[in-house]
C-alpha atoms as a PDB file:
ATOM      1  CA  UNK A   1     -33.082 165.167  39.268  1.00  0.00           C
ATOM      2  CA  UNK A   2     -32.999 162.686  41.989  1.00  0.00           C
ATOM      3  CA  UNK A   3     -36.065 160.940  43.122  1.00  0.00           C
ATOM      4  CA  UNK A   4     -36.033 159.217  46.405  1.00  0.00           C
ATOM      5  CA  UNK A   5     -32.672 157.682  47.250  1.00  0.00           C
ATOM      6  CA  UNK A   6     -33.415 154.084  48.151  1.00  0.00           C
ATOM      7  CA  UNK A   7     -31.606 151.233  49.642  1.00  0.00           C
ATOM      8  CA  UNK A   8     -31.488 148.086  47.600  1.00  0.00           C
ATOM      9  CA  UNK A   9     -32.573 144.664  48.763  1.00  0.00           C
ATOM     10  CA  UNK A  10     -32.915 141.486  46.853  1.00  0.00           C
ATOM     11  CA  UNK A  11     -35.309 142.106  43.993  1.00  0.00           C
ATOM     12  CA  UNK A  12     -38.568 140.331  43.724  1.00  0.00           C
ATOM     13  CA  UNK A  13     -39.557 138.131  40.808  1.00  0.00           C
ATOM     14  CA  UNK A  14     -39.702 139.529  37.376  1.00  0.00           C
ATOM     15  CA  UNK A  15     -43.067 138.938  35.788  1.00  0.00           C
ATOM     16  CA  UNK A  16     -43.485 137.972  32.132  1.00  0.00           C
ATOM     17  CA  UNK A  17     -39.808 138.192  31.253  1.00  0.00           C
ATOM     18  CA  UNK A  18     -37.905 135.147  30.018  1.00  0.00           C
ATOM     19  CA  UNK A  19     -34.089 134.902  29.866  1.00  0.00           C
ATOM     20  CA  UNK A  20     -32.618 136.249  26.667  1.00  0.00           C
ATOM     21  CA  UNK A  21     -29.750 134.908  24.601  1.00  0.00           C
ATOM     22  CA  UNK A  22     -26.562 134.339  26.618  1.00  0.00           C
ATOM     23  CA  UNK A  23     -23.542 136.603  26.319  1.00  0.00           C
ATOM     24  CA  UNK A  24     -23.083 139.811  28.224  1.00  0.00           C
ATOM     25  CA  UNK A  25     -23.581 143.062  26.329  1.00  0.00           C
ATOM     26  CA  UNK A  26     -20.873 145.592  26.071  1.00  0.00           C
ATOM     27  CA  UNK A  27     -21.486 148.801  28.035  1.00  0.00           C
ATOM     28  CA  UNK A  28     -21.509 151.773  25.688  1.00  0.00           C
ATOM     29  CA  UNK A  29     -23.351 155.014  24.987  1.00  0.00           C
ATOM     30  CA  UNK A  30     -25.975 152.896  23.277  1.00  0.00           C
ATOM     31  CA  UNK A  31     -27.337 152.158  26.753  1.00  0.00           C
ATOM     32  CA  UNK A  32     -27.630 155.845  27.410  1.00  0.00           C
ATOM     33  CA  UNK A  33     -29.318 156.506  24.143  1.00  0.00           C
ATOM     34  CA  UNK A  34     -31.957 153.931  24.764  1.00  0.00           C
ATOM     35  CA  UNK A  35     -32.722 155.268  28.251  1.00  0.00           C
ATOM     36  CA  UNK A  36     -32.782 158.884  26.870  1.00  0.00           C
ATOM     37  CA  UNK A  37     -35.313 157.918  24.228  1.00  0.00           C
ATOM     38  CA  UNK A  38     -37.500 156.333  26.921  1.00  0.00           C
ATOM     39  CA  UNK A  39     -37.065 159.386  29.172  1.00  0.00           C
ATOM     40  CA  UNK A  40     -38.601 161.725  26.553  1.00  0.00           C
ATOM     41  CA  UNK A  41     -41.983 160.192  27.192  1.00  0.00           C
ATOM     42  CA  UNK A  42     -41.657 158.886  30.683  1.00  0.00           C
ATOM     43  CA  UNK A  43     -39.954 161.723  32.602  1.00  0.00           C
ATOM     44  CA  UNK A  44     -41.943 163.188  35.544  1.00  0.00           C
ATOM     45  CA  UNK A  45     -42.684 166.934  35.377  1.00  0.00           C
ATOM     46  CA  UNK A  46     -40.604 168.050  38.363  1.00  0.00           C
ATOM     47  CA  UNK A  47     -40.048 171.792  38.946  1.00  0.00           C
ATOM     48  CA  UNK A  48     -36.286 171.546  39.397  1.00  0.00           C
ATOM     49  CA  UNK A  49     -36.074 170.065  35.939  1.00  0.00           C
ATOM     50  CA  UNK A  50     -37.786 172.875  34.217  1.00  0.00           C
ATOM     51  CA  UNK A  51     -35.868 175.471  32.076  1.00  0.00           C
ATOM     52  CA  UNK A  52     -34.791 178.519  33.977  1.00  0.00           C
ATOM     53  CA  UNK A  53     -34.320 176.735  37.305  1.00  0.00           C
ATOM     54  CA  UNK A  54     -31.375 178.331  39.053  1.00  0.00           C
ATOM     55  CA  UNK A  55     -28.300 176.366  40.199  1.00  0.00           C
ATOM     56  CA  UNK A  56     -29.255 177.275  43.809  1.00  0.00           C
ATOM     57  CA  UNK A  57     -32.738 175.721  43.336  1.00  0.00           C
ATOM     58  CA  UNK A  58     -31.122 172.649  41.898  1.00  0.00           C
ATOM     59  CA  UNK A  59     -28.758 172.329  44.843  1.00  0.00           C
ATOM     60  CA  UNK A  60     -31.605 172.708  47.278  1.00  0.00           C
ATOM     61  CA  UNK A  61     -33.592 169.969  45.487  1.00  0.00           C
ATOM     62  CA  UNK A  62     -30.660 167.589  45.496  1.00  0.00           C
ATOM     63  CA  UNK A  63     -30.016 167.980  49.221  1.00  0.00           C
ATOM     64  CA  UNK A  64     -33.762 167.674  50.065  1.00  0.00           C
ATOM     65  CA  UNK A  65     -34.194 164.568  47.887  1.00  0.00           C
ATOM     66  CA  UNK A  66     -31.594 162.575  49.727  1.00  0.00           C
ATOM     67  CA  UNK A  67     -33.445 159.664  51.412  1.00  0.00           C
ATOM     68  CA  UNK A  68     -36.752 161.569  50.953  1.00  0.00           C
ATOM     69  CA  UNK A  69     -39.495 160.869  48.467  1.00  0.00           C
ATOM     70  CA  UNK A  70     -40.428 163.453  45.852  1.00  0.00           C
ATOM     71  CA  UNK A  71     -43.930 164.016  47.075  1.00  0.00           C
ATOM     72  CA  UNK A  72     -42.673 165.098  50.490  1.00  0.00           C
ATOM     73  CA  UNK A  73     -39.991 167.327  49.107  1.00  0.00           C
ATOM     74  CA  UNK A  74     -42.134 169.304  46.621  1.00  0.00           C
ATOM     75  CA  UNK A  75     -44.055 171.587  49.073  1.00  0.00           C
ATOM     76  CA  UNK A  76     -40.982 172.241  51.238  1.00  0.00           C
ATOM     77  CA  UNK A  77     -38.770 172.996  48.229  1.00  0.00           C
ATOM     78  CA  UNK A  78     -41.340 175.422  46.867  1.00  0.00           C
ATOM     79  CA  UNK A  79     -41.695 177.197  50.142  1.00  0.00           C
ATOM     80  CA  UNK A  80     -37.946 177.280  50.724  1.00  0.00           C
ATOM     81  CA  UNK A  81     -37.251 178.888  47.299  1.00  0.00           C
ATOM     82  CA  UNK A  82     -40.029 181.417  47.810  1.00  0.00           C
ATOM     83  CA  UNK A  83     -38.480 182.487  51.079  1.00  0.00           C
ATOM     84  CA  UNK A  84     -34.781 182.123  50.161  1.00  0.00           C
ATOM     85  CA  UNK A  85     -34.479 182.395  46.344  1.00  0.00           C
ATOM     86  CA  UNK A  86     -30.695 182.924  46.585  1.00  0.00           C
ATOM     87  CA  UNK A  87     -27.854 181.655  48.733  1.00  0.00           C
ATOM     88  CA  UNK A  88     -27.435 185.179  50.097  1.00  0.00           C
ATOM     89  CA  UNK A  89     -31.008 185.321  51.315  1.00  0.00           C
ATOM     90  CA  UNK A  90     -30.576 182.136  53.351  1.00  0.00           C
ATOM     91  CA  UNK A  91     -27.108 183.133  54.638  1.00  0.00           C
ATOM     92  CA  UNK A  92     -28.498 186.360  55.970  1.00  0.00           C
ATOM     93  CA  UNK A  93     -30.775 184.512  58.369  1.00  0.00           C
ATOM     94  CA  UNK A  94     -29.869 182.399  61.422  1.00  0.00           C
ATOM     95  CA  UNK A  95     -29.278 178.730  60.797  1.00  0.00           C
ATOM     96  CA  UNK A  96     -32.165 177.937  63.134  1.00  0.00           C
ATOM     97  CA  UNK A  97     -34.553 179.351  60.601  1.00  0.00           C
ATOM     98  CA  UNK A  98     -33.326 176.826  58.096  1.00  0.00           C
ATOM     99  CA  UNK A  99     -33.977 174.057  60.670  1.00  0.00           C
ATOM    100  CA  UNK A 100     -37.452 175.454  61.276  1.00  0.00           C
ATOM    101  CA  UNK A 101     -38.342 175.618  57.584  1.00  0.00           C
ATOM    102  CA  UNK A 102     -37.057 172.103  57.067  1.00  0.00           C
ATOM    103  CA  UNK A 103     -40.199 170.923  58.846  1.00  0.00           C
ATOM    104  CA  UNK A 104     -40.687 167.148  58.913  1.00  0.00           C
ATOM    105  CA  UNK A 105     -38.494 166.137  55.983  1.00  0.00           C
ATOM    106  CA  UNK A 106     -36.265 164.213  58.324  1.00  0.00           C
ATOM    107  CA  UNK A 107     -32.471 164.179  58.763  1.00  0.00           C
ATOM    108  CA  UNK A 108     -32.524 167.908  59.675  1.00  0.00           C
ATOM    109  CA  UNK A 109     -28.769 168.180  59.629  1.00  0.00           C
ATOM    110  CA  UNK A 110     -29.225 168.657  55.921  1.00  0.00           C
ATOM    111  CA  UNK A 111     -30.829 172.019  56.707  1.00  0.00           C
ATOM    112  CA  UNK A 112     -27.690 173.105  58.518  1.00  0.00           C
ATOM    113  CA  UNK A 113     -25.492 171.888  55.693  1.00  0.00           C
ATOM    114  CA  UNK A 114     -27.538 173.951  53.204  1.00  0.00           C
ATOM    115  CA  UNK A 115     -27.158 177.011  55.482  1.00  0.00           C
ATOM    116  CA  UNK A 116     -23.397 176.455  55.729  1.00  0.00           C
ATOM    117  CA  UNK A 117     -23.103 176.020  51.943  1.00  0.00           C
ATOM    118  CA  UNK A 118     -25.071 179.174  51.311  1.00  0.00           C
ATOM    119  CA  UNK A 119     -22.751 181.099  53.671  1.00  0.00           C
ATOM    120  CA  UNK A 120     -19.721 179.705  51.936  1.00  0.00           C
ATOM    121  CA  UNK A 121     -21.102 180.554  48.533  1.00  0.00           C
ATOM    122  CA  UNK A 122     -21.625 184.136  49.599  1.00  0.00           C
ATOM    123  CA  UNK A 123     -18.096 184.370  51.141  1.00  0.00           C
ATOM    124  CA  UNK A 124     -16.180 182.532  48.419  1.00  0.00           C
ATOM    125  CA  UNK A 125     -18.146 183.001  45.241  1.00  0.00           C
ATOM    126  CA  UNK A 126     -20.039 186.300  45.515  1.00  0.00           C
ATOM    127  CA  UNK A 127     -23.349 184.561  46.146  1.00  0.00           C
ATOM    128  CA  UNK A 128     -23.301 182.529  42.908  1.00  0.00           C
ATOM    129  CA  UNK A 129     -23.207 178.701  42.966  1.00  0.00           C
ATOM    130  CA  UNK A 130     -19.877 177.733  41.288  1.00  0.00           C
ATOM    131  CA  UNK A 131     -19.919 175.622  38.188  1.00  0.00           C
ATOM    132  CA  UNK A 132     -16.513 174.114  38.825  1.00  0.00           C
ATOM    133  CA  UNK A 133     -16.703 170.575  40.286  1.00  0.00           C
ATOM    134  CA  UNK A 134     -13.825 171.046  42.740  1.00  0.00           C
ATOM    135  CA  UNK A 135     -15.359 174.311  43.983  1.00  0.00           C
ATOM    136  CA  UNK A 136     -18.671 172.515  44.514  1.00  0.00           C
ATOM    137  CA  UNK A 137     -16.897 169.674  46.412  1.00  0.00           C
ATOM    138  CA  UNK A 138     -15.299 172.268  48.666  1.00  0.00           C
ATOM    139  CA  UNK A 139     -18.601 173.591  49.901  1.00  0.00           C
ATOM    140  CA  UNK A 140     -19.561 172.383  53.386  1.00  0.00           C
ATOM    141  CA  UNK A 141     -21.555 169.205  53.467  1.00  0.00           C
ATOM    142  CA  UNK A 142     -21.503 168.772  49.688  1.00  0.00           C
ATOM    143  CA  UNK A 143     -20.384 165.285  48.727  1.00  0.00           C
ATOM    144  CA  UNK A 144     -19.408 163.609  45.425  1.00  0.00           C
ATOM    145  CA  UNK A 145     -22.979 162.811  44.406  1.00  0.00           C
ATOM    146  CA  UNK A 146     -24.464 166.251  45.163  1.00  0.00           C
ATOM    147  CA  UNK A 147     -21.545 168.108  43.525  1.00  0.00           C
ATOM    148  CA  UNK A 148     -21.775 166.077  40.341  1.00  0.00           C
ATOM    149  CA  UNK A 149     -25.566 166.363  40.312  1.00  0.00           C
ATOM    150  CA  UNK A 150     -25.375 170.167  40.442  1.00  0.00           C
ATOM    151  CA  UNK A 151     -22.644 170.276  37.809  1.00  0.00           C
ATOM    152  CA  UNK A 152     -24.737 168.107  35.490  1.00  0.00           C
ATOM    153  CA  UNK A 153     -28.225 169.352  36.101  1.00  0.00           C
ATOM    154  CA  UNK A 154     -27.574 173.054  36.776  1.00  0.00           C
ATOM    155  CA  UNK A 155     -24.560 173.613  34.537  1.00  0.00           C
ATOM    156  CA  UNK A 156     -25.274 170.875  31.895  1.00  0.00           C
ATOM    157  CA  UNK A 157     -21.903 169.188  32.255  1.00  0.00           C
ATOM    158  CA  UNK A 158     -20.974 165.665  31.314  1.00  0.00           C
ATOM    159  CA  UNK A 159     -20.693 164.143  34.773  1.00  0.00           C
ATOM    160  CA  UNK A 160     -21.500 160.622  36.099  1.00  0.00           C
ATOM    161  CA  UNK A 161     -24.264 161.257  38.673  1.00  0.00           C
ATOM    162  CA  UNK A 162     -24.449 157.998  40.590  1.00  0.00           C
ATOM    163  CA  UNK A 163     -27.003 157.556  43.365  1.00  0.00           C
ATOM    164  CA  UNK A 164     -28.579 154.310  44.577  1.00  0.00           C
ATOM    165  CA  UNK A 165     -30.904 154.234  41.594  1.00  0.00           C
ATOM    166  CA  UNK A 166     -28.175 154.622  39.003  1.00  0.00           C
ATOM    167  CA  UNK A 167     -25.925 152.154  40.835  1.00  0.00           C
ATOM    168  CA  UNK A 168     -28.728 149.620  40.725  1.00  0.00           C
ATOM    169  CA  UNK A 169     -29.314 150.132  36.943  1.00  0.00           C
ATOM    170  CA  UNK A 170     -25.611 149.818  36.188  1.00  0.00           C
ATOM    171  CA  UNK A 171     -25.221 146.707  38.398  1.00  0.00           C
ATOM    172  CA  UNK A 172     -28.029 144.917  36.644  1.00  0.00           C
ATOM    173  CA  UNK A 173     -27.878 146.132  33.053  1.00  0.00           C
ATOM    174  CA  UNK A 174     -24.093 146.145  32.658  1.00  0.00           C
ATOM    175  CA  UNK A 175     -22.673 143.841  35.290  1.00  0.00           C
ATOM    176  CA  UNK A 176     -25.520 141.373  35.526  1.00  0.00           C
ATOM    177  CA  UNK A 177     -25.742 141.607  39.312  1.00  0.00           C
ATOM    178  CA  UNK A 178     -28.975 141.924  41.308  1.00  0.00           C
ATOM    179  CA  UNK A 179     -27.177 143.662  44.195  1.00  0.00           C
ATOM    180  CA  UNK A 180     -25.381 146.935  43.579  1.00  0.00           C
ATOM    181  CA  UNK A 181     -22.333 147.724  45.729  1.00  0.00           C
ATOM    182  CA  UNK A 182     -22.980 149.447  49.008  1.00  0.00           C
ATOM    183  CA  UNK A 183     -20.782 152.476  48.077  1.00  0.00           C
ATOM    184  CA  UNK A 184     -19.874 154.212  44.890  1.00  0.00           C
ATOM    185  CA  UNK A 185     -16.355 153.485  43.614  1.00  0.00           C
ATOM    186  CA  UNK A 186     -14.184 155.051  41.027  1.00  0.00           C
ATOM    187  CA  UNK A 187     -14.965 152.101  38.781  1.00  0.00           C
ATOM    188  CA  UNK A 188     -18.705 152.908  39.142  1.00  0.00           C
ATOM    189  CA  UNK A 189     -18.087 156.547  38.181  1.00  0.00           C
ATOM    190  CA  UNK A 190     -15.942 155.494  35.201  1.00  0.00           C
ATOM    191  CA  UNK A 191     -18.512 152.883  34.066  1.00  0.00           C
ATOM    192  CA  UNK A 192     -21.452 155.258  34.171  1.00  0.00           C
ATOM    193  CA  UNK A 193     -19.399 157.898  32.362  1.00  0.00           C
ATOM    194  CA  UNK A 194     -19.003 155.343  29.532  1.00  0.00           C
ATOM    195  CA  UNK A 195     -22.808 155.310  29.166  1.00  0.00           C
ATOM    196  CA  UNK A 196     -23.006 159.127  28.592  1.00  0.00           C
ATOM    197  CA  UNK A 197     -22.937 160.759  25.155  1.00  0.00           C
ATOM    198  CA  UNK A 198     -19.973 163.059  24.379  1.00  0.00           C
ATOM    199  CA  UNK A 199     -22.196 166.140  24.074  1.00  0.00           C
ATOM    200  CA  UNK A 200     -22.416 167.744  27.538  1.00  0.00           C
ATOM    201  CA  UNK A 201     -26.126 168.835  27.207  1.00  0.00           C
ATOM    202  CA  UNK A 202     -27.192 165.396  25.990  1.00  0.00           C
ATOM    203  CA  UNK A 203     -25.075 163.722  28.684  1.00  0.00           C
ATOM    204  CA  UNK A 204     -26.744 165.804  31.398  1.00  0.00           C
ATOM    205  CA  UNK A 205     -30.222 164.685  30.123  1.00  0.00           C
ATOM    206  CA  UNK A 206     -28.983 161.091  30.012  1.00  0.00           C
ATOM    207  CA  UNK A 207     -27.804 161.356  33.657  1.00  0.00           C
ATOM    208  CA  UNK A 208     -31.328 162.461  34.621  1.00  0.00           C
ATOM    209  CA  UNK A 209     -32.759 159.601  32.534  1.00  0.00           C
ATOM    210  CA  UNK A 210     -30.676 156.943  34.191  1.00  0.00           C
ATOM    211  CA  UNK A 211     -31.841 158.135  37.551  1.00  0.00           C
ATOM    212  CA  UNK A 212     -35.453 158.144  36.426  1.00  0.00           C
ATOM    213  CA  UNK A 213     -35.156 154.620  35.153  1.00  0.00           C
ATOM    214  CA  UNK A 214     -33.909 153.419  38.488  1.00  0.00           C
ATOM    215  CA  UNK A 215     -36.624 155.331  40.408  1.00  0.00           C
ATOM    216  CA  UNK A 216     -39.590 154.214  38.234  1.00  0.00           C
ATOM    217  CA  UNK A 217     -38.749 150.829  36.642  1.00  0.00           C
ATOM    218  CA  UNK A 218     -35.484 149.332  37.833  1.00  0.00           C
ATOM    219  CA  UNK A 219     -36.568 149.423  41.426  1.00  0.00           C
ATOM    220  CA  UNK A 220     -35.135 147.409  44.275  1.00  0.00           C
ATOM    221  CA  UNK A 221     -38.076 145.046  44.631  1.00  0.00           C
ATOM    222  CA  UNK A 222     -40.191 143.719  41.750  1.00  0.00           C
ATOM    223  CA  UNK A 223     -38.585 145.665  38.939  1.00  0.00           C
ATOM    224  CA  UNK A 224     -40.737 146.382  35.884  1.00  0.00           C
ATOM    225  CA  UNK A 225     -38.367 144.713  33.419  1.00  0.00           C
ATOM    226  CA  UNK A 226     -40.970 144.208  30.680  1.00  0.00           C
ATOM    227  CA  UNK A 227     -41.343 148.016  30.372  1.00  0.00           C
ATOM    228  CA  UNK A 228     -37.591 148.772  30.540  1.00  0.00           C
ATOM    229  CA  UNK A 229     -35.806 150.199  27.444  1.00  0.00           C
ATOM    230  CA  UNK A 230     -32.772 148.139  28.330  1.00  0.00           C
ATOM    231  CA  UNK A 231     -34.599 144.782  28.349  1.00  0.00           C
ATOM    232  CA  UNK A 232     -32.923 143.406  25.238  1.00  0.00           C
ATOM    233  CA  UNK A 233     -29.444 144.469  26.485  1.00  0.00           C
ATOM    234  CA  UNK A 234     -29.754 143.884  30.256  1.00  0.00           C
ATOM    235  CA  UNK A 235     -27.045 141.459  31.477  1.00  0.00           C
ATOM    236  CA  UNK A 236     -29.125 140.548  34.539  1.00  0.00           C
ATOM    237  CA  UNK A 237     -32.177 139.605  32.452  1.00  0.00           C
ATOM    238  CA  UNK A 238     -29.960 137.646  30.043  1.00  0.00           C
ATOM    239  CA  UNK A 239     -28.699 135.683  33.017  1.00  0.00           C
ATOM    240  CA  UNK A 240     -32.292 134.760  34.015  1.00  0.00           C
ATOM    241  CA  UNK A 241     -32.732 137.519  36.646  1.00  0.00           C
ATOM    242  CA  UNK A 242     -30.875 135.654  39.396  1.00  0.00           C
ATOM    243  CA  UNK A 243     -31.653 136.668  43.015  1.00  0.00           C
ATOM    244  CA  UNK A 244     -29.296 138.791  44.961  1.00  0.00           C
ATOM    245  CA  UNK A 245     -26.451 137.120  46.794  1.00  0.00           C
ATOM    246  CA  UNK A 246     -26.558 139.264  49.909  1.00  0.00           C
ATOM    247  CA  UNK A 247     -29.189 139.328  52.697  1.00  0.00           C
ATOM    248  CA  UNK A 248     -32.247 141.376  52.058  1.00  0.00           C
ATOM    249  CA  UNK A 249     -32.128 144.745  53.770  1.00  0.00           C
ATOM    250  CA  UNK A 250     -35.066 145.457  56.013  1.00  0.00           C
ATOM    251  CA  UNK A 251     -36.319 148.991  56.379  1.00  0.00           C
ATOM    252  CA  UNK A 252     -34.990 150.604  59.540  1.00  0.00           C
ATOM    253  CA  UNK A 253     -37.657 150.927  62.268  1.00  0.00           C
ATOM    254  CA  UNK A 254     -38.659 154.348  63.600  1.00  0.00           C
ATOM    255  CA  UNK A 255     -41.125 153.898  66.419  1.00  0.00           C
ATOM    256  CA  UNK A 256     -39.392 154.086  69.774  1.00  0.00           C
ATOM    257  CA  UNK A 257     -35.951 154.925  68.363  1.00  0.00           C
ATOM    258  CA  UNK A 258     -33.722 157.857  69.310  1.00  0.00           C
ATOM    259  CA  UNK A 259     -34.604 159.357  65.888  1.00  0.00           C
ATOM    260  CA  UNK A 260     -38.233 159.524  66.859  1.00  0.00           C
ATOM    261  CA  UNK A 261     -37.445 161.193  70.185  1.00  0.00           C
ATOM    262  CA  UNK A 262     -35.093 163.647  68.428  1.00  0.00           C
ATOM    263  CA  UNK A 263     -37.884 164.458  65.964  1.00  0.00           C
ATOM    264  CA  UNK A 264     -40.381 165.145  68.760  1.00  0.00           C
ATOM    265  CA  UNK A 265     -37.997 167.351  70.681  1.00  0.00           C
ATOM    266  CA  UNK A 266     -37.069 169.256  67.554  1.00  0.00           C
ATOM    267  CA  UNK A 267     -40.741 169.718  66.634  1.00  0.00           C
ATOM    268  CA  UNK A 268     -41.472 171.498  69.916  1.00  0.00           C
ATOM    269  CA  UNK A 269     -38.571 173.838  69.411  1.00  0.00           C
ATOM    270  CA  UNK A 270     -39.375 174.337  65.718  1.00  0.00           C
ATOM    271  CA  UNK A 271     -42.984 175.266  66.488  1.00  0.00           C
ATOM    272  CA  UNK A 272     -42.034 177.810  69.126  1.00  0.00           C
ATOM    273  CA  UNK A 273     -40.956 181.427  68.484  1.00  0.00           C
ATOM    274  CA  UNK A 274     -38.966 181.595  71.721  1.00  0.00           C
ATOM    275  CA  UNK A 275     -36.689 179.479  73.845  1.00  0.00           C
ATOM    276  CA  UNK A 276     -38.177 176.442  75.578  1.00  0.00           C
ATOM    277  CA  UNK A 277     -37.737 175.330  79.175  1.00  0.00           C
ATOM    278  CA  UNK A 278     -36.769 171.782  80.038  1.00  0.00           C
ATOM    279  CA  UNK A 279     -40.163 171.084  81.576  1.00  0.00           C
ATOM    280  CA  UNK A 280     -41.865 171.395  78.190  1.00  0.00           C
ATOM    281  CA  UNK A 281     -39.321 169.092  76.583  1.00  0.00           C
ATOM    282  CA  UNK A 282     -39.826 166.540  79.374  1.00  0.00           C
ATOM    283  CA  UNK A 283     -43.409 166.183  78.256  1.00  0.00           C
ATOM    284  CA  UNK A 284     -42.375 164.911  74.812  1.00  0.00           C
ATOM    285  CA  UNK A 285     -41.097 161.515  75.900  1.00  0.00           C
ATOM    286  CA  UNK A 286     -41.576 159.639  79.192  1.00  0.00           C
ATOM    287  CA  UNK A 287     -38.282 157.757  79.304  1.00  0.00           C
ATOM    288  CA  UNK A 288     -35.742 160.192  80.765  1.00  0.00           C
ATOM    289  CA  UNK A 289     -32.511 158.404  79.782  1.00  0.00           C
ATOM    290  CA  UNK A 290     -33.479 158.121  76.116  1.00  0.00           C
ATOM    291  CA  UNK A 291     -34.891 161.704  76.108  1.00  0.00           C
ATOM    292  CA  UNK A 292     -31.618 163.043  77.551  1.00  0.00           C
ATOM    293  CA  UNK A 293     -29.568 161.083  75.020  1.00  0.00           C
ATOM    294  CA  UNK A 294     -31.727 162.451  72.115  1.00  0.00           C
ATOM    295  CA  UNK A 295     -31.345 165.994  73.422  1.00  0.00           C
ATOM    296  CA  UNK A 296     -27.589 165.617  73.830  1.00  0.00           C
ATOM    297  CA  UNK A 297     -27.474 164.411  70.258  1.00  0.00           C
ATOM    298  CA  UNK A 298     -29.307 167.468  68.982  1.00  0.00           C
ATOM    299  CA  UNK A 299     -26.964 169.735  70.894  1.00  0.00           C
ATOM    300  CA  UNK A 300     -23.903 167.883  69.535  1.00  0.00           C
ATOM    301  CA  UNK A 301     -25.186 168.191  65.986  1.00  0.00           C
ATOM    302  CA  UNK A 302     -25.701 171.950  66.409  1.00  0.00           C
ATOM    303  CA  UNK A 303     -29.495 171.632  65.766  1.00  0.00           C
ATOM    304  CA  UNK A 304     -30.348 172.874  69.285  1.00  0.00           C
ATOM    305  CA  UNK A 305     -28.435 175.338  71.531  1.00  0.00           C
ATOM    306  CA  UNK A 306     -28.695 175.825  75.300  1.00  0.00           C
ATOM    307  CA  UNK A 307     -29.251 179.489  75.980  1.00  0.00           C
ATOM    308  CA  UNK A 308     -29.441 179.213  79.793  1.00  0.00           C
ATOM    309  CA  UNK A 309     -29.558 176.392  82.353  1.00  0.00           C
ATOM    310  CA  UNK A 310     -32.462 174.240  81.382  1.00  0.00           C
ATOM    311  CA  UNK A 311     -33.487 176.482  78.493  1.00  0.00           C
ATOM    312  CA  UNK A 312     -33.042 175.535  74.809  1.00  0.00           C
ATOM    313  CA  UNK A 313     -33.666 177.048  71.413  1.00  0.00           C
ATOM    314  CA  UNK A 314     -32.887 176.555  67.681  1.00  0.00           C
ATOM    315  CA  UNK A 315     -29.530 177.989  66.732  1.00  0.00           C
ATOM    316  CA  UNK A 316     -29.212 181.674  66.046  1.00  0.00           C
END
């Protein structure tokens, strides 16, 4: 479903594309139909898109793909589903095992959220992922995007699935803006819904197609407009592909940050099959104040527990 969720900066120049006739196009299902026709030949063969994929497998993929590229997710997703093919299988194990299996995907709180969701699915829904959107939204850590993605891709419902990629496609093709809004609004959901065909199955495929278009062609920098199925209708191209009005967003650094220290501390605990003494954690990072702050953050997030004075472990 999702590819990597990206942040959008000012797009680079559009090569070999000249402005089209003026006059904004009207957003309609014709947009979705064009993208769906393109998707038939351009879609990546991703395992969570294949027939027979369970709703649980779709949910796991959507959580893992948040801010993480597909190539990093694939092996972890496959190993996760081999070990925990159902929510009940994950819920039966300690949450620390989910953190351990998460490996180096980053943002490991997502592993805890998946464990919490699996537990809630067992307790509230007999171990079956619910198809109802409100029930999905009520699961721990499942937000608007993930709930709608599961409803569309696992249960083939007509839902607007709006991530950063779809937001960017909509902003450019329909609104004529280079910069999508920072957050998803009700107007965004309503606008993307207008692009979806009435038939739920076709709408679900169209939702996947819109995401793929944003991930492969309508990218944040140097979009491949000449190959886009919406070229003739794109309001942004018709306007001459004006640059974004906001400041370009620079990728957040990693080296030397608290995130890096947290990752190193967590890696030591993840690789151990027993509790770790403070002395071993002290070897991870030389600066004691930052190291202490990172460890306190892991404890506060529930990713690490203190089992005795100066002794730490993954949660059980």
